[in-house]
Amino acid sequence: KGLDAREVIIATDDGVDLLPATIELARAEA
């Protein structure tokens, strides 16, 4: 959808940033 990654990235307790996934990603291939 072209959403800015900065709006999605999450800081985690392990000190790393995460660009997370959901089950919707299954549609991305198509």
PDB file of all heavy atoms in Angstrom:
ATOM      1  N   LYS A   1       0.815  -1.227   0.000  1.00  0.00           N
ATOM      2  CA  LYS A   1       0.000   0.000   0.000  1.00  0.00           C
ATOM      3  C   LYS A   1       0.844   1.271   0.000  1.00  0.00           C
ATOM      4  O   LYS A   1       0.305   2.377  -0.041  1.00  0.00           O
ATOM      5  CB  LYS A   1      -0.925   0.036   1.228  1.00  0.00           C
ATOM      6  CG  LYS A   1      -1.704  -1.237   1.501  1.00  0.00           C
ATOM      7  CD  LYS A   1      -2.742  -1.506   0.437  1.00  0.00           C
ATOM      8  CE  LYS A   1      -3.583  -2.745   0.811  1.00  0.00           C
ATOM      9  NZ  LYS A   1      -4.424  -3.193  -0.310  1.00  0.00           N
ATOM     10  N   GLY A   2       2.164   1.118   0.126  1.00  0.00           N
ATOM     11  CA  GLY A   2       3.034   2.284   0.106  1.00  0.00           C
ATOM     12  C   GLY A   2       3.066   3.067   1.402  1.00  0.00           C
ATOM     13  O   GLY A   2       3.530   4.212   1.428  1.00  0.00           O
ATOM     14  N   LEU A   3       2.601   2.466   2.496  1.00  0.00           N
ATOM     15  CA  LEU A   3       2.636   3.144   3.796  1.00  0.00           C
ATOM     16  C   LEU A   3       4.089   3.375   4.227  1.00  0.00           C
ATOM     17  O   LEU A   3       4.947   2.506   4.016  1.00  0.00           O
ATOM     18  CB  LEU A   3       1.909   2.303   4.840  1.00  0.00           C
ATOM     19  CG  LEU A   3       1.730   2.910   6.236  1.00  0.00           C
ATOM     20  CD1 LEU A   3       0.866   4.163   6.197  1.00  0.00           C
ATOM     21  CD2 LEU A   3       1.110   1.883   7.197  1.00  0.00           C
ATOM     22  N   ASP A   4       4.359   4.526   4.824  1.00  0.00           N
ATOM     23  CA  ASP A   4       5.706   4.859   5.298  1.00  0.00           C
ATOM     24  C   ASP A   4       6.103   3.885   6.412  1.00  0.00           C
ATOM     25  O   ASP A   4       5.379   3.745   7.408  1.00  0.00           O
ATOM     26  CB  ASP A   4       5.720   6.295   5.826  1.00  0.00           C
ATOM     27  CG  ASP A   4       7.128   6.812   6.084  1.00  0.00           C
ATOM     28  OD1 ASP A   4       7.998   6.008   6.488  1.00  0.00           O
ATOM     29  OD2 ASP A   4       7.357   8.020   5.911  1.00  0.00           O
ATOM     30  N   ALA A   5       7.249   3.222   6.249  1.00  0.00           N
ATOM     31  CA  ALA A   5       7.700   2.231   7.232  1.00  0.00           C
ATOM     32  C   ALA A   5       7.865   2.839   8.621  1.00  0.00           C
ATOM     33  O   ALA A   5       7.696   2.147   9.637  1.00  0.00           O
ATOM     34  CB  ALA A   5       9.011   1.595   6.777  1.00  0.00           C
ATOM     35  N   ARG A   6       8.178   4.137   8.677  1.00  0.00           N
ATOM     36  CA  ARG A   6       8.365   4.798   9.976  1.00  0.00           C
ATOM     37  C   ARG A   6       7.088   4.793  10.814  1.00  0.00           C
ATOM     38  O   ARG A   6       7.139   4.875  12.040  1.00  0.00           O
ATOM     39  CB  ARG A   6       8.849   6.236   9.776  1.00  0.00           C
ATOM     40  CG  ARG A   6      10.275   6.343   9.253  1.00  0.00           C
ATOM     41  CD  ARG A   6      10.644   7.780   8.960  1.00  0.00           C
ATOM     42  NE  ARG A   6       9.882   8.334   7.845  1.00  0.00           N
ATOM     43  CZ  ARG A   6       9.929   9.590   7.451  1.00  0.00           C
ATOM     44  NH1 ARG A   6      10.714  10.455   8.084  1.00  0.00           N
ATOM     45  NH2 ARG A   6       9.210  10.016   6.421  1.00  0.00           N
ATOM     46  N   GLU A   7       5.934   4.688  10.153  1.00  0.00           N
ATOM     47  CA  GLU A   7       4.656   4.656  10.867  1.00  0.00           C
ATOM     48  C   GLU A   7       4.348   3.270  11.419  1.00  0.00           C
ATOM     49  O   GLU A   7       3.407   3.103  12.198  1.00  0.00           O
ATOM     50  CB  GLU A   7       3.523   5.117   9.940  1.00  0.00           C
ATOM     51  CG  GLU A   7       3.649   6.552   9.471  1.00  0.00           C
ATOM     52  CD  GLU A   7       2.488   6.953   8.578  1.00  0.00           C
ATOM     53  OE1 GLU A   7       1.367   6.478   8.822  1.00  0.00           O
ATOM     54  OE2 GLU A   7       2.713   7.738   7.636  1.00  0.00           O
ATOM     55  N   VAL A   8       5.127   2.276  11.003  1.00  0.00           N
ATOM     56  CA  VAL A   8       4.834   0.881  11.369  1.00  0.00           C
ATOM     57  C   VAL A   8       5.890   0.287  12.307  1.00  0.00           C
ATOM     58  O   VAL A   8       5.601  -0.589  13.118  1.00  0.00           O
ATOM     59  CB  VAL A   8       4.721   0.016  10.081  1.00  0.00           C
ATOM     60  CG1 VAL A   8       4.338  -1.420  10.423  1.00  0.00           C
ATOM     61  CG2 VAL A   8       3.691   0.624   9.126  1.00  0.00           C
ATOM     62  N   ILE A   9       7.122   0.776  12.205  1.00  0.00           N
ATOM     63  CA  ILE A   9       8.225   0.219  13.010  1.00  0.00           C
ATOM     64  C   ILE A   9       7.951   0.388  14.502  1.00  0.00           C
ATOM     65  O   ILE A   9       7.513   1.445  14.956  1.00  0.00           O
ATOM     66  CB  ILE A   9       9.554   0.899  12.616  1.00  0.00           C
ATOM     67  CG1 ILE A   9       9.985   0.431  11.214  1.00  0.00           C
ATOM     68  CG2 ILE A   9      10.652   0.576  13.628  1.00  0.00           C
ATOM     69  CD1 ILE A   9      11.173   1.181  10.641  1.00  0.00           C
ATOM     70  N   ILE A  10       8.215  -0.673  15.242  1.00  0.00           N
ATOM     71  CA  ILE A  10       7.977  -0.711  16.695  1.00  0.00           C
ATOM     72  C   ILE A  10       9.298  -0.947  17.415  1.00  0.00           C
ATOM     73  O   ILE A  10      10.088  -1.809  17.013  1.00  0.00           O
ATOM     74  CB  ILE A  10       7.002  -1.862  17.050  1.00  0.00           C
ATOM     75  CG1 ILE A  10       5.650  -1.666  16.347  1.00  0.00           C
ATOM     76  CG2 ILE A  10       6.808  -1.977  18.559  1.00  0.00           C
ATOM     77  CD1 ILE A  10       4.749  -2.898  16.441  1.00  0.00           C
ATOM     78  N   ALA A  11       9.538  -0.198  18.496  1.00  0.00           N
ATOM     79  CA  ALA A  11      10.697  -0.465  19.359  1.00  0.00           C
ATOM     80  C   ALA A  11      10.341  -1.603  20.303  1.00  0.00           C
ATOM     81  O   ALA A  11       9.232  -1.648  20.842  1.00  0.00           O
ATOM     82  CB  ALA A  11      11.066   0.787  20.146  1.00  0.00           C
ATOM     83  N   THR A  12      11.249  -2.555  20.506  1.00  0.00           N
ATOM     84  CA  THR A  12      10.968  -3.710  21.360  1.00  0.00           C
ATOM     85  C   THR A  12      11.823  -3.679  22.628  1.00  0.00           C
ATOM     86  O   THR A  12      12.805  -2.939  22.710  1.00  0.00           O
ATOM     87  CB  THR A  12      11.257  -5.034  20.618  1.00  0.00           C
ATOM     88  OG1 THR A  12      12.685  -5.186  20.479  1.00  0.00           O
ATOM     89  CG2 THR A  12      10.609  -5.050  19.238  1.00  0.00           C
ATOM     90  N   ASP A  13      11.451  -4.519  23.583  1.00  0.00           N
ATOM     91  CA  ASP A  13      12.170  -4.581  24.859  1.00  0.00           C
ATOM     92  C   ASP A  13      13.579  -5.156  24.702  1.00  0.00           C
ATOM     93  O   ASP A  13      14.404  -5.023  25.597  1.00  0.00           O
ATOM     94  CB  ASP A  13      11.386  -5.430  25.868  1.00  0.00           C
ATOM     95  CG  ASP A  13      10.101  -4.749  26.311  1.00  0.00           C
ATOM     96  OD1 ASP A  13      10.023  -3.515  26.186  1.00  0.00           O
ATOM     97  OD2 ASP A  13       9.172  -5.452  26.756  1.00  0.00           O
ATOM     98  N   ASP A  14      13.840  -5.818  23.574  1.00  0.00           N
ATOM     99  CA  ASP A  14      15.163  -6.406  23.354  1.00  0.00           C
ATOM    100  C   ASP A  14      16.152  -5.420  22.746  1.00  0.00           C
ATOM    101  O   ASP A  14      17.268  -5.803  22.389  1.00  0.00           O
ATOM    102  CB  ASP A  14      15.049  -7.655  22.464  1.00  0.00           C
ATOM    103  CG  ASP A  14      14.743  -8.902  23.267  1.00  0.00           C
ATOM    104  OD1 ASP A  14      13.566  -9.199  23.510  1.00  0.00           O
ATOM    105  OD2 ASP A  14      15.704  -9.569  23.688  1.00  0.00           O
ATOM    106  N   GLY A  15      15.721  -4.155  22.593  1.00  0.00           N
ATOM    107  CA  GLY A  15      16.636  -3.147  22.091  1.00  0.00           C
ATOM    108  C   GLY A  15      16.744  -3.095  20.580  1.00  0.00           C
ATOM    109  O   GLY A  15      17.603  -2.406  20.033  1.00  0.00           O
ATOM    110  N   VAL A  16      15.883  -3.846  19.890  1.00  0.00           N
ATOM    111  CA  VAL A  16      15.862  -3.826  18.423  1.00  0.00           C
ATOM    112  C   VAL A  16      14.543  -3.216  17.960  1.00  0.00           C
ATOM    113  O   VAL A  16      13.540  -3.277  18.661  1.00  0.00           O
ATOM    114  CB  VAL A  16      16.009  -5.241  17.823  1.00  0.00           C
ATOM    115  CG1 VAL A  16      17.318  -5.872  18.260  1.00  0.00           C
ATOM    116  CG2 VAL A  16      14.835  -6.136  18.216  1.00  0.00           C
ATOM    117  N   ASP A  17      14.556  -2.619  16.767  1.00  0.00           N
ATOM    118  CA  ASP A  17      13.319  -2.165  16.145  1.00  0.00           C
ATOM    119  C   ASP A  17      12.760  -3.292  15.285  1.00  0.00           C
ATOM    120  O   ASP A  17      13.518  -4.126  14.765  1.00  0.00           O
ATOM    121  CB  ASP A  17      13.564  -0.928  15.282  1.00  0.00           C
ATOM    122  CG  ASP A  17      13.787   0.331  16.115  1.00  0.00           C
ATOM    123  OD1 ASP A  17      13.629   0.254  17.354  1.00  0.00           O
ATOM    124  OD2 ASP A  17      14.129   1.378  15.536  1.00  0.00           O
ATOM    125  N   LEU A  18      11.438  -3.293  15.128  1.00  0.00           N
ATOM    126  CA  LEU A  18      10.775  -4.370  14.390  1.00  0.00           C
ATOM    127  C   LEU A  18       9.786  -3.795  13.391  1.00  0.00           C
ATOM    128  O   LEU A  18       8.982  -2.926  13.725  1.00  0.00           O
ATOM    129  CB  LEU A  18      10.025  -5.282  15.367  1.00  0.00           C
ATOM    130  CG  LEU A  18       9.119  -6.352  14.737  1.00  0.00           C
ATOM    131  CD1 LEU A  18       9.950  -7.443  14.055  1.00  0.00           C
ATOM    132  CD2 LEU A  18       8.196  -6.975  15.796  1.00  0.00           C
ATOM    133  N   LEU A  19       9.869  -4.293  12.155  1.00  0.00           N
ATOM    134  CA  LEU A  19       8.826  -4.054  11.160  1.00  0.00           C
ATOM    135  C   LEU A  19       7.960  -5.311  11.195  1.00  0.00           C
ATOM    136  O   LEU A  19       8.348  -6.353  10.661  1.00  0.00           O
ATOM    137  CB  LEU A  19       9.461  -3.836   9.785  1.00  0.00           C
ATOM    138  CG  LEU A  19       8.601  -3.278   8.655  1.00  0.00           C
ATOM    139  CD1 LEU A  19       7.803  -2.042   9.083  1.00  0.00           C
ATOM    140  CD2 LEU A  19       9.463  -2.959   7.442  1.00  0.00           C
ATOM    141  N   PRO A  20       6.803  -5.245  11.874  1.00  0.00           N
ATOM    142  CA  PRO A  20       6.059  -6.469  12.214  1.00  0.00           C
ATOM    143  C   PRO A  20       5.221  -7.014  11.060  1.00  0.00           C
ATOM    144  O   PRO A  20       4.950  -6.317  10.073  1.00  0.00           O
ATOM    145  CB  PRO A  20       5.150  -5.995  13.351  1.00  0.00           C
ATOM    146  CG  PRO A  20       4.874  -4.556  13.016  1.00  0.00           C
ATOM    147  CD  PRO A  20       6.157  -4.040  12.406  1.00  0.00           C
ATOM    148  N   ALA A  21       4.801  -8.257  11.219  1.00  0.00           N
ATOM    149  CA  ALA A  21       3.933  -8.919  10.235  1.00  0.00           C
ATOM    150  C   ALA A  21       2.605  -9.270  10.876  1.00  0.00           C
ATOM    151  O   ALA A  21       2.487  -9.378  12.104  1.00  0.00           O
ATOM    152  CB  ALA A  21       4.604 -10.186   9.707  1.00  0.00           C
ATOM    153  N   THR A  22       1.591  -9.453  10.033  1.00  0.00           N
ATOM    154  CA  THR A  22       0.318 -10.031  10.440  1.00  0.00           C
ATOM    155  C   THR A  22      -0.075 -11.056   9.380  1.00  0.00           C
ATOM    156  O   THR A  22       0.582 -11.165   8.337  1.00  0.00           O
ATOM    157  CB  THR A  22      -0.801  -8.959  10.538  1.00  0.00           C
ATOM    158  OG1 THR A  22      -1.030  -8.437   9.215  1.00  0.00           O
ATOM    159  CG2 THR A  22      -0.405  -7.827  11.473  1.00  0.00           C
ATOM    160  N   ILE A  23      -1.169 -11.769   9.625  1.00  0.00           N
ATOM    161  CA  ILE A  23      -1.623 -12.787   8.680  1.00  0.00           C
ATOM    162  C   ILE A  23      -1.961 -12.168   7.322  1.00  0.00           C
ATOM    163  O   ILE A  23      -1.949 -12.856   6.289  1.00  0.00           O
ATOM    164  CB  ILE A  23      -2.840 -13.554   9.251  1.00  0.00           C
ATOM    165  CG1 ILE A  23      -3.173 -14.794   8.410  1.00  0.00           C
ATOM    166  CG2 ILE A  23      -4.040 -12.638   9.380  1.00  0.00           C
ATOM    167  CD1 ILE A  23      -2.085 -15.836   8.356  1.00  0.00           C
ATOM    168  N   GLU A  24      -2.234 -10.867   7.282  1.00  0.00           N
ATOM    169  CA  GLU A  24      -2.530 -10.188   6.012  1.00  0.00           C
ATOM    170  C   GLU A  24      -1.388 -10.334   5.006  1.00  0.00           C
ATOM    171  O   GLU A  24      -1.605 -10.248   3.796  1.00  0.00           O
ATOM    172  CB  GLU A  24      -2.766  -8.689   6.253  1.00  0.00           C
ATOM    173  CG  GLU A  24      -4.115  -8.352   6.832  1.00  0.00           C
ATOM    174  CD  GLU A  24      -4.282  -6.848   6.937  1.00  0.00           C
ATOM    175  OE1 GLU A  24      -3.578  -6.239   7.758  1.00  0.00           O
ATOM    176  OE2 GLU A  24      -5.117  -6.295   6.191  1.00  0.00           O
ATOM    177  N   LEU A  25      -0.179 -10.551   5.518  1.00  0.00           N
ATOM    178  CA  LEU A  25       0.986 -10.679   4.639  1.00  0.00           C
ATOM    179  C   LEU A  25       0.829 -11.849   3.671  1.00  0.00           C
ATOM    180  O   LEU A  25       1.465 -11.881   2.612  1.00  0.00           O
ATOM    181  CB  LEU A  25       2.259 -10.839   5.487  1.00  0.00           C
ATOM    182  CG  LEU A  25       3.605 -10.723   4.776  1.00  0.00           C
ATOM    183  CD1 LEU A  25       3.747  -9.386   4.062  1.00  0.00           C
ATOM    184  CD2 LEU A  25       4.744 -10.914   5.764  1.00  0.00           C
ATOM    185  N   ALA A  26      -0.040 -12.796   4.021  1.00  0.00           N
ATOM    186  CA  ALA A  26      -0.284 -13.937   3.129  1.00  0.00           C
ATOM    187  C   ALA A  26      -0.849 -13.466   1.784  1.00  0.00           C
ATOM    188  O   ALA A  26      -0.688 -14.137   0.756  1.00  0.00           O
ATOM    189  CB  ALA A  26      -1.244 -14.916   3.788  1.00  0.00           C
ATOM    190  N   ARG A  27      -1.504 -12.297   1.784  1.00  0.00           N
ATOM    191  CA  ARG A  27      -2.067 -11.747   0.542  1.00  0.00           C
ATOM    192  C   ARG A  27      -1.018 -11.020  -0.292  1.00  0.00           C
ATOM    193  O   ARG A  27      -1.244 -10.719  -1.460  1.00  0.00           O
ATOM    194  CB  ARG A  27      -3.195 -10.751   0.856  1.00  0.00           C
ATOM    195  CG  ARG A  27      -4.425 -11.358   1.470  1.00  0.00           C
ATOM    196  CD  ARG A  27      -5.672 -10.552   1.083  1.00  0.00           C
ATOM    197  NE  ARG A  27      -5.477  -9.111   1.280  1.00  0.00           N
ATOM    198  CZ  ARG A  27      -5.791  -8.462   2.395  1.00  0.00           C
ATOM    199  NH1 ARG A  27      -6.291  -9.120   3.425  1.00  0.00           N
ATOM    200  NH2 ARG A  27      -5.616  -7.159   2.497  1.00  0.00           N
ATOM    201  N   ALA A  28       0.110 -10.696   0.337  1.00  0.00           N
ATOM    202  CA  ALA A  28       1.118  -9.880  -0.353  1.00  0.00           C
ATOM    203  C   ALA A  28       1.669 -10.584  -1.589  1.00  0.00           C
ATOM    204  O   ALA A  28       1.940  -9.941  -2.608  1.00  0.00           O
ATOM    205  CB  ALA A  28       2.248  -9.529   0.605  1.00  0.00           C
ATOM    206  N   GLU A  29       1.847 -11.907  -1.497  1.00  0.00           N
ATOM    207  CA  GLU A  29       2.376 -12.641  -2.653  1.00  0.00           C
ATOM    208  C   GLU A  29       1.492 -12.394  -3.871  1.00  0.00           C
ATOM    209  O   GLU A  29       1.969 -12.089  -4.961  1.00  0.00           O
ATOM    210  CB  GLU A  29       2.428 -14.153  -2.340  1.00  0.00           C
ATOM    211  CG  GLU A  29       3.379 -14.531  -1.223  1.00  0.00           C
ATOM    212  CD  GLU A  29       4.761 -14.913  -1.734  1.00  0.00           C
ATOM    213  OE1 GLU A  29       4.919 -15.124  -2.945  1.00  0.00           O
ATOM    214  OE2 GLU A  29       5.693 -14.964  -0.901  1.00  0.00           O
ATOM    215  N   ALA A  30       0.151 -12.517  -3.682  1.00  0.00           N
ATOM    216  CA  ALA A  30      -0.784 -12.312  -4.788  1.00  0.00           C
ATOM    217  C   ALA A  30      -0.817 -10.853  -5.224  1.00  0.00           C
ATOM    218  O   ALA A  30      -0.851 -10.541  -6.422  1.00  0.00           O
ATOM    219  CB  ALA A  30      -2.183 -12.772  -4.380  1.00  0.00           C
TER     220      ALA A  30
END
